[in-house]
């Protein structure tokens, strides 16, 4: 079984690796960068810091990072901005949502959030999507079974105009490359749907729910690792604090949203 891959999003980012793609197939156009809205407390690069890439054990101050990881800097450019399926790229409107999202651990029971979605409320921390929360490049390097992700964004010029005129707007989809393990997604306070399974991508139609400015995307993720009944392989949450003490087990990867993105129909 192949491992779950990071997710990119048009709306792009989540814990295993959230990749969200928001794409349109109306008129040919160059891929445009989304504008992260300042309203609503969006995440900023000044709030992100790469965590030490080393075992989380007392007295270990090593920072073992690759030359590629050392270049990651959201203040210069969001990571992994290419189309998640490059062989299917078309000269149409699509947006990659990888980058800084708001994030905070959640609370819940039996896979259900303890409270209502935090609409309109800035989350307490920043995470760099599509890196998993347990990774050093995410800026978090913690394991939590319940997590919230939030992104507030504006559409670029042409897409914003289409969103303002619903009759002329093309069909648009929000695509997640993968989210480990359960995800619920809201756009502008409307539930788009939910998905279970960390190995496959999923999409929601969003054409009639987008607005030119201040779109709020919320994702709630539940991943119990070895404490749940879902397939989890050799992942063990205990390996985060004591790596190598449990034989061949390895640290879990929770909700790493594989690149999230927005794209116009047809969905390929």
Protein backbone atom coordinates (compact mmCIF):
# COMPACT_ATOMS: atom_id res chain seq x y z
CA UNK A 1 0.00 0.00 0.00
CA UNK A 2 1.47 3.34 -0.99
CA UNK A 3 1.82 6.04 1.70
CA UNK A 4 -0.51 9.00 1.76
CA UNK A 5 0.92 11.87 -0.24
CA UNK A 6 0.83 15.55 0.76
CA UNK A 7 -2.26 17.54 -0.22
CA UNK A 8 -2.24 20.83 -2.17
CA UNK A 9 -5.27 23.10 -2.20
CA UNK A 10 -6.88 26.07 -4.02
CA UNK A 11 -7.60 26.20 -1.20
CA UNK A 12 -4.39 24.24 -0.13
CA UNK A 13 -3.27 22.68 3.12
CA UNK A 14 -4.08 20.16 5.90
CA UNK A 15 -2.42 17.77 8.35
CA UNK A 16 -1.06 14.68 6.68
CA UNK A 17 -0.37 17.07 3.96
CA UNK A 18 -3.20 19.07 2.72
CA UNK A 19 -3.15 19.91 -0.92
CA UNK A 20 -6.15 21.77 -2.08
CA UNK A 21 -6.66 22.87 -5.63
CA UNK A 22 -9.29 25.35 -6.67
CA UNK A 23 -9.45 25.27 -10.44
CA UNK A 24 -11.66 26.65 -13.20
CA UNK A 25 -11.84 25.56 -16.82
CA UNK A 26 -13.61 28.52 -18.35
CA UNK A 27 -11.36 30.86 -20.30
CA UNK A 28 -7.63 30.09 -20.69
CA UNK A 29 -5.56 32.02 -18.21
CA UNK A 30 -2.24 31.84 -16.46
CA UNK A 31 -2.27 30.38 -12.97
CA UNK A 32 -2.77 33.24 -10.51
CA UNK A 33 -1.69 33.49 -6.92
CA UNK A 34 -4.39 33.83 -4.34
CA UNK A 35 -4.37 36.75 -1.97
CA UNK A 36 -4.47 35.87 1.71
CA UNK A 37 -6.97 38.21 3.28
CA UNK A 38 -5.86 40.38 6.15
CA UNK A 39 -9.34 40.34 7.61
CA UNK A 40 -10.04 37.60 10.13
CA UNK A 41 -6.50 37.17 11.41
CA UNK A 42 -4.79 35.32 8.58
CA UNK A 43 -1.49 33.57 9.27
CA UNK A 44 1.67 35.51 8.52
CA UNK A 45 5.23 34.37 7.81
CA UNK A 46 6.45 36.16 10.93
CA UNK A 47 4.44 33.68 13.02
CA UNK A 48 6.10 30.59 11.49
CA UNK A 49 9.37 29.08 12.62
CA UNK A 50 10.89 25.80 11.51
CA UNK A 51 11.24 23.43 14.45
CA UNK A 52 14.45 21.42 15.09
CA UNK A 53 14.59 18.39 12.79
CA UNK A 54 15.78 15.94 15.42
CA UNK A 55 14.49 13.41 17.91
CA UNK A 56 12.43 15.00 20.67
CA UNK A 57 14.42 13.62 23.58
CA UNK A 58 16.04 15.46 26.53
CA UNK A 59 19.51 16.74 25.82
CA UNK A 60 19.25 16.33 22.04
CA UNK A 61 19.89 19.70 20.41
CA UNK A 62 20.70 18.32 16.95
CA UNK A 63 19.01 19.87 13.93
CA UNK A 64 19.35 17.45 11.04
CA UNK A 65 17.70 19.06 8.03
CA UNK A 66 18.21 18.41 4.31
CA UNK A 67 19.51 21.09 1.96
CA UNK A 68 16.03 21.28 0.44
CA UNK A 69 14.31 21.64 3.79
CA UNK A 70 16.74 24.38 4.76
CA UNK A 71 15.49 26.53 1.87
CA UNK A 72 11.83 26.44 2.93
CA UNK A 73 10.76 29.95 3.88
CA UNK A 74 7.11 31.06 3.56
CA UNK A 75 8.25 34.69 3.72
CA UNK A 76 9.89 34.17 0.30
CA UNK A 77 7.47 31.75 -1.36
CA UNK A 78 4.82 29.14 -0.41
CA UNK A 79 6.05 25.55 -0.74
CA UNK A 80 5.15 23.11 -3.51
CA UNK A 81 3.26 25.50 -5.76
CA UNK A 82 3.21 23.25 -8.81
CA UNK A 83 0.01 21.56 -9.97
CA UNK A 84 -0.44 18.29 -8.00
CA UNK A 85 -0.98 16.37 -11.26
CA UNK A 86 1.38 18.11 -13.70
CA UNK A 87 0.52 15.79 -16.59
CA UNK A 88 -3.05 17.16 -16.46
CA UNK A 89 -2.22 20.87 -16.28
CA UNK A 90 -4.31 22.97 -18.63
CA UNK A 91 -4.16 26.66 -19.49
CA UNK A 92 -7.13 27.41 -17.28
CA UNK A 93 -7.76 28.96 -13.95
CA UNK A 94 -6.47 26.95 -11.00
CA UNK A 95 -5.13 27.96 -7.61
CA UNK A 96 -2.79 26.18 -5.24
CA UNK A 97 -3.55 26.73 -1.55
CA UNK A 98 -0.33 25.47 -0.04
CA UNK A 99 1.23 27.93 2.35
CA UNK A 100 0.59 29.32 5.81
CA UNK A 101 -2.74 28.46 7.37
CA UNK A 102 -4.06 29.18 10.85
CA UNK A 103 -3.98 26.10 13.08
CA UNK A 104 -4.67 24.90 16.58
CA UNK A 105 -5.27 21.57 18.32
CA UNK A 106 -8.89 20.72 18.90
CA UNK A 107 -10.92 18.65 21.30
CA UNK A 108 -13.47 15.96 20.70
CA UNK A 109 -14.76 12.48 21.39
CA UNK A 110 -15.26 9.48 19.13
CA UNK A 111 -14.11 11.49 16.12
CA UNK A 112 -16.55 14.38 16.69
CA UNK A 113 -15.51 17.93 17.54
CA UNK A 114 -16.33 19.06 21.06
CA UNK A 115 -17.85 22.34 19.90
CA UNK A 116 -19.10 24.19 16.81
CA UNK A 117 -16.72 25.26 14.02
CA UNK A 118 -14.82 28.45 14.96
CA UNK A 119 -16.30 30.58 12.17
CA UNK A 120 -14.84 34.08 12.05
CA UNK A 121 -12.36 33.35 14.84
CA UNK A 122 -8.60 33.43 14.25
CA UNK A 123 -6.86 30.26 15.37
CA UNK A 124 -3.99 30.55 17.83
CA UNK A 125 -1.06 29.29 15.74
CA UNK A 126 0.29 29.01 12.17
CA UNK A 127 1.13 25.88 10.19
CA UNK A 128 2.87 25.56 6.85
CA UNK A 129 0.78 23.35 4.57
CA UNK A 130 1.22 20.75 3.19
CA UNK A 131 3.69 19.58 5.85
CA UNK A 132 2.25 17.32 8.60
CA UNK A 133 1.87 18.83 12.06
CA UNK A 134 4.46 16.36 13.39
CA UNK A 135 7.14 17.54 10.95
CA UNK A 136 9.72 20.22 11.68
CA UNK A 137 8.84 22.12 8.48
CA UNK A 138 5.22 22.53 9.55
CA UNK A 139 6.37 24.80 12.36
CA UNK A 140 4.36 22.73 14.87
CA UNK A 141 6.13 19.38 15.49
CA UNK A 142 3.38 18.08 17.74
CA UNK A 143 0.89 15.21 17.58
CA UNK A 144 -2.81 15.85 18.26
CA UNK A 145 -5.73 13.55 17.36
CA UNK A 146 -8.02 16.56 16.74
CA UNK A 147 -6.92 19.59 14.73
CA UNK A 148 -8.44 22.69 13.13
CA UNK A 149 -7.15 24.42 9.98
CA UNK A 150 -8.34 27.81 8.78
CA UNK A 151 -7.54 29.90 5.71
CA UNK A 152 -9.03 33.27 4.76
CA UNK A 153 -8.34 34.22 1.14
CA UNK A 154 -9.33 36.51 -1.73
CA UNK A 155 -9.74 35.40 -5.32
CA UNK A 156 -7.49 36.92 -7.99
CA UNK A 157 -8.95 39.37 -10.53
CA UNK A 158 -10.64 37.22 -13.18
CA UNK A 159 -11.80 34.58 -10.72
CA UNK A 160 -13.17 37.27 -8.42
CA UNK A 161 -15.19 38.74 -11.27
CA UNK A 162 -16.64 35.35 -12.12
CA UNK A 163 -17.53 34.74 -8.47
CA UNK A 164 -19.33 38.09 -8.33
CA UNK A 165 -21.43 37.16 -11.36
CA UNK A 166 -22.79 33.74 -10.43
CA UNK A 167 -24.53 33.26 -13.78
CA UNK A 168 -21.22 33.52 -15.65
CA UNK A 169 -19.14 31.63 -13.10
CA UNK A 170 -17.70 28.30 -14.29
CA UNK A 171 -18.05 25.15 -12.24
CA UNK A 172 -15.31 25.15 -9.61
CA UNK A 173 -13.99 22.39 -7.40
CA UNK A 174 -12.00 22.32 -4.21
CA UNK A 175 -9.66 19.34 -4.29
CA UNK A 176 -7.64 17.74 -1.51
CA UNK A 177 -4.85 15.34 -2.43
CA UNK A 178 -5.31 13.48 0.86
CA UNK A 179 -6.11 14.08 4.52
CA UNK A 180 -5.25 11.55 7.22
CA UNK A 181 -7.66 10.29 8.52
CA UNK A 182 -11.10 11.92 8.74
CA UNK A 183 -11.86 15.44 7.51
CA UNK A 184 -14.84 17.80 7.52
CA UNK A 185 -14.66 20.91 5.33
CA UNK A 186 -16.58 24.20 5.50
CA UNK A 187 -16.45 27.12 3.08
CA UNK A 188 -18.00 30.43 4.15
CA UNK A 189 -19.91 28.73 6.98
CA UNK A 190 -21.39 26.08 4.69
CA UNK A 191 -20.50 22.42 5.15
CA UNK A 192 -19.05 21.09 1.90
CA UNK A 193 -18.81 17.52 3.13
CA UNK A 194 -16.61 14.99 4.88
CA UNK A 195 -14.17 12.27 3.88
CA UNK A 196 -12.65 9.24 5.58
CA UNK A 197 -9.38 7.62 4.49
CA UNK A 198 -5.83 8.93 4.32
CA UNK A 199 -4.76 7.44 0.98
CA UNK A 200 -7.03 8.99 -1.63
CA UNK A 201 -7.93 12.48 -2.80
CA UNK A 202 -11.40 14.00 -2.66
CA UNK A 203 -13.19 17.04 -4.12
CA UNK A 204 -16.20 19.28 -3.49
CA UNK A 205 -18.02 21.62 -5.91
CA UNK A 206 -17.70 25.21 -4.67
CA UNK A 207 -18.68 27.41 -7.62
CA UNK A 208 -21.76 28.94 -5.98
CA UNK A 209 -20.15 29.33 -2.56
CA UNK A 210 -17.13 31.43 -3.45
CA UNK A 211 -17.08 35.20 -3.03
CA UNK A 212 -14.55 37.74 -4.37
CA UNK A 213 -13.04 38.48 -0.96
CA UNK A 214 -12.70 37.04 2.54
CA UNK A 215 -13.50 33.41 1.76
CA UNK A 216 -13.15 31.40 4.96
CA UNK A 217 -12.05 27.78 4.60
CA UNK A 218 -12.20 25.57 7.71
CA UNK A 219 -11.02 21.97 7.99
CA UNK A 220 -11.49 19.73 11.02
CA UNK A 221 -9.27 16.66 11.15
CA UNK A 222 -9.39 13.56 13.32
CA UNK A 223 -6.51 11.06 13.31
CA UNK A 224 -6.23 8.73 16.34
CA UNK A 225 -3.09 6.97 15.04
CA UNK A 226 -2.65 3.66 16.88
CA UNK A 227 -5.53 4.40 19.27
CA UNK A 228 -8.16 4.01 16.54
CA UNK A 229 -9.58 1.09 14.57
CA UNK A 230 -8.44 2.41 11.17
CA UNK A 231 -5.33 1.06 9.39
CA UNK A 232 -2.27 2.79 10.87
CA UNK A 233 0.63 0.50 9.94
CA UNK A 234 3.68 0.96 12.14
CA UNK A 235 2.79 4.48 13.27
CA UNK A 236 3.07 5.04 17.01
CA UNK A 237 2.46 8.37 18.75
CA UNK A 238 4.84 7.26 21.51
CA UNK A 239 7.68 7.23 18.98
CA UNK A 240 7.64 11.03 18.86
CA UNK A 241 9.02 11.39 22.38
CA UNK A 242 11.06 8.18 22.36
CA UNK A 243 12.14 7.33 18.81
CA UNK A 244 13.84 4.01 18.28
CA UNK A 245 12.63 2.49 21.54
CA UNK A 246 9.78 0.55 19.95
CA UNK A 247 11.67 -1.52 17.41
CA UNK A 248 10.69 -0.75 13.83
CA UNK A 249 7.82 1.63 14.68
CA UNK A 250 7.87 5.21 13.41
CA UNK A 251 6.31 8.55 14.26
CA UNK A 252 2.77 9.12 12.98
CA UNK A 253 1.75 11.58 10.29
CA UNK A 254 -1.54 13.18 11.24
CA UNK A 255 -3.59 15.30 8.97
CA UNK A 256 -0.96 16.41 6.59
CA UNK A 257 -3.16 17.94 3.96
CA UNK A 258 -1.87 17.05 0.60
CA UNK A 259 -1.89 20.08 -1.61
CA UNK A 260 -5.33 21.70 -1.58
CA UNK A 261 -6.41 23.51 -4.71
CA UNK A 262 -9.30 25.08 -6.56
CA UNK A 263 -9.97 24.26 -10.17
CA UNK A 264 -12.69 24.80 -12.74
CA UNK A 265 -14.62 21.93 -14.25
CA UNK A 266 -14.21 19.48 -15.85
CA UNK A 267 -12.65 17.71 -12.94
CA UNK A 268 -9.87 15.38 -14.08
